[in-house]
Amino acid sequence: MIRAKEFITIREAHVLLGCSDGHIRNLVDKARKGKTAYPIPFLDLDGVTVFPLAKLLEWAERPKLKKRAAS
């Protein structure tokens, strides 16, 4: 059912991606604050966060470089 929709909710995104609801919310928060090189694609519809499914899947499949901790 999720893949039949053009936009999905936070709950649907965390199920689709196999991570926690809190992790998705953290990714959105980092994207809003510009604190990530690979921001999760989302839309804010008057306070309701949704994700364009096609863009979210493209984002999830793209390799992401991790920052190394300072020694």
C-alpha atoms as a PDB file:
ATOM      1  CA  MET A   1       0.000   0.000   0.000  1.00  0.00           C
ATOM      2  CA  ILE A   2       2.851   2.425   0.801  1.00  0.00           C
ATOM      3  CA  ARG A   3       4.377   2.160  -2.670  1.00  0.00           C
ATOM      4  CA  ALA A   4       1.025   2.999  -4.274  1.00  0.00           C
ATOM      5  CA  LYS A   5       1.105   6.524  -2.806  1.00  0.00           C
ATOM      6  CA  GLU A   6       2.885   9.596  -4.150  1.00  0.00           C
ATOM      7  CA  PHE A   7       3.537  11.021  -0.656  1.00  0.00           C
ATOM      8  CA  ILE A   8       4.027   9.077   2.563  1.00  0.00           C
ATOM      9  CA  THR A   9       3.917   9.947   6.257  1.00  0.00           C
ATOM     10  CA  ILE A  10       6.683   9.702   8.849  1.00  0.00           C
ATOM     11  CA  ARG A  11       5.199   6.438  10.122  1.00  0.00           C
ATOM     12  CA  GLU A  12       5.121   4.958   6.621  1.00  0.00           C
ATOM     13  CA  ALA A  13       8.671   6.179   5.924  1.00  0.00           C
ATOM     14  CA  HIS A  14      10.103   4.496   9.013  1.00  0.00           C
ATOM     15  CA  VAL A  15       8.371   1.217   8.136  1.00  0.00           C
ATOM     16  CA  LEU A  16       9.525   1.399   4.512  1.00  0.00           C
ATOM     17  CA  LEU A  17      13.131   2.205   5.439  1.00  0.00           C
ATOM     18  CA  GLY A  18      13.293  -0.171   8.409  1.00  0.00           C
ATOM     19  CA  CYS A  19      14.317   2.380  11.012  1.00  0.00           C
ATOM     20  CA  SER A  20      12.664   4.037  13.986  1.00  0.00           C
ATOM     21  CA  ASP A  21      10.168   6.881  13.892  1.00  0.00           C
ATOM     22  CA  GLY A  22      12.621   8.905  15.989  1.00  0.00           C
ATOM     23  CA  HIS A  23      15.420   8.379  13.479  1.00  0.00           C
ATOM     24  CA  ILE A  24      13.246   9.733  10.653  1.00  0.00           C
ATOM     25  CA  ARG A  25      12.332  12.745  12.794  1.00  0.00           C
ATOM     26  CA  ASN A  26      16.036  13.355  13.534  1.00  0.00           C
ATOM     27  CA  LEU A  27      16.845  13.209   9.808  1.00  0.00           C
ATOM     28  CA  VAL A  28      14.108  15.767   9.081  1.00  0.00           C
ATOM     29  CA  ASP A  29      15.362  18.009  11.888  1.00  0.00           C
ATOM     30  CA  LYS A  30      18.923  17.902  10.510  1.00  0.00           C
ATOM     31  CA  ALA A  31      17.624  18.661   7.000  1.00  0.00           C
ATOM     32  CA  ARG A  32      15.622  21.646   8.304  1.00  0.00           C
ATOM     33  CA  LYS A  33      18.693  23.022  10.075  1.00  0.00           C
ATOM     34  CA  GLY A  34      21.011  22.392   7.111  1.00  0.00           C
ATOM     35  CA  LYS A  35      23.225  20.121   9.207  1.00  0.00           C
ATOM     36  CA  THR A  36      23.643  17.316   6.700  1.00  0.00           C
ATOM     37  CA  ALA A  37      25.302  16.871   3.326  1.00  0.00           C
ATOM     38  CA  TYR A  38      22.534  14.483   2.268  1.00  0.00           C
ATOM     39  CA  PRO A  39      19.225  15.938   3.500  1.00  0.00           C
ATOM     40  CA  ILE A  40      16.224  13.653   3.500  1.00  0.00           C
ATOM     41  CA  PRO A  41      13.649  14.900   0.963  1.00  0.00           C
ATOM     42  CA  PHE A  42      10.487  16.047   2.726  1.00  0.00           C
ATOM     43  CA  LEU A  43       7.674  18.565   2.482  1.00  0.00           C
ATOM     44  CA  ASP A  44       6.083  20.514   5.312  1.00  0.00           C
ATOM     45  CA  LEU A  45       2.374  20.899   4.605  1.00  0.00           C
ATOM     46  CA  ASP A  46       1.317  23.392   7.282  1.00  0.00           C
ATOM     47  CA  GLY A  47       3.015  21.403  10.040  1.00  0.00           C
ATOM     48  CA  VAL A  48       2.483  17.929   8.571  1.00  0.00           C
ATOM     49  CA  THR A  49       5.687  16.308   7.348  1.00  0.00           C
ATOM     50  CA  VAL A  50       5.365  14.096   4.273  1.00  0.00           C
ATOM     51  CA  PHE A  51       7.881  12.530   1.922  1.00  0.00           C
ATOM     52  CA  PRO A  52       7.686  12.281  -1.867  1.00  0.00           C
ATOM     53  CA  LEU A  53       8.046   8.516  -2.257  1.00  0.00           C
ATOM     54  CA  ALA A  54      10.142   8.482  -5.454  1.00  0.00           C
ATOM     55  CA  LYS A  55      12.634  11.044  -4.101  1.00  0.00           C
ATOM     56  CA  LEU A  56      12.829   9.289  -0.727  1.00  0.00           C
ATOM     57  CA  LEU A  57      13.687   5.965  -2.369  1.00  0.00           C
ATOM     58  CA  GLU A  58      16.348   7.634  -4.545  1.00  0.00           C
ATOM     59  CA  TRP A  59      17.806   9.311  -1.438  1.00  0.00           C
ATOM     60  CA  ALA A  60      17.823   6.022   0.493  1.00  0.00           C
ATOM     61  CA  GLU A  61      19.652   4.158  -2.285  1.00  0.00           C
ATOM     62  CA  ARG A  62      22.363   6.814  -2.767  1.00  0.00           C
ATOM     63  CA  PRO A  63      25.630   6.055  -0.935  1.00  0.00           C
ATOM     64  CA  LYS A  64      26.349   8.496   1.883  1.00  0.00           C
ATOM     65  CA  LEU A  65      29.819   9.281   3.142  1.00  0.00           C
ATOM     66  CA  LYS A  66      30.170   9.215   6.895  1.00  0.00           C
ATOM     67  CA  LYS A  67      32.130  11.869   8.703  1.00  0.00           C
ATOM     68  CA  ARG A  68      35.134  10.607  10.589  1.00  0.00           C
ATOM     69  CA  ALA A  69      35.482  11.500  14.232  1.00  0.00           C
ATOM     70  CA  ALA A  70      38.351  13.827  15.057  1.00  0.00           C
ATOM     71  CA  SER A  71      41.301  11.990  16.588  1.00  0.00           C
END
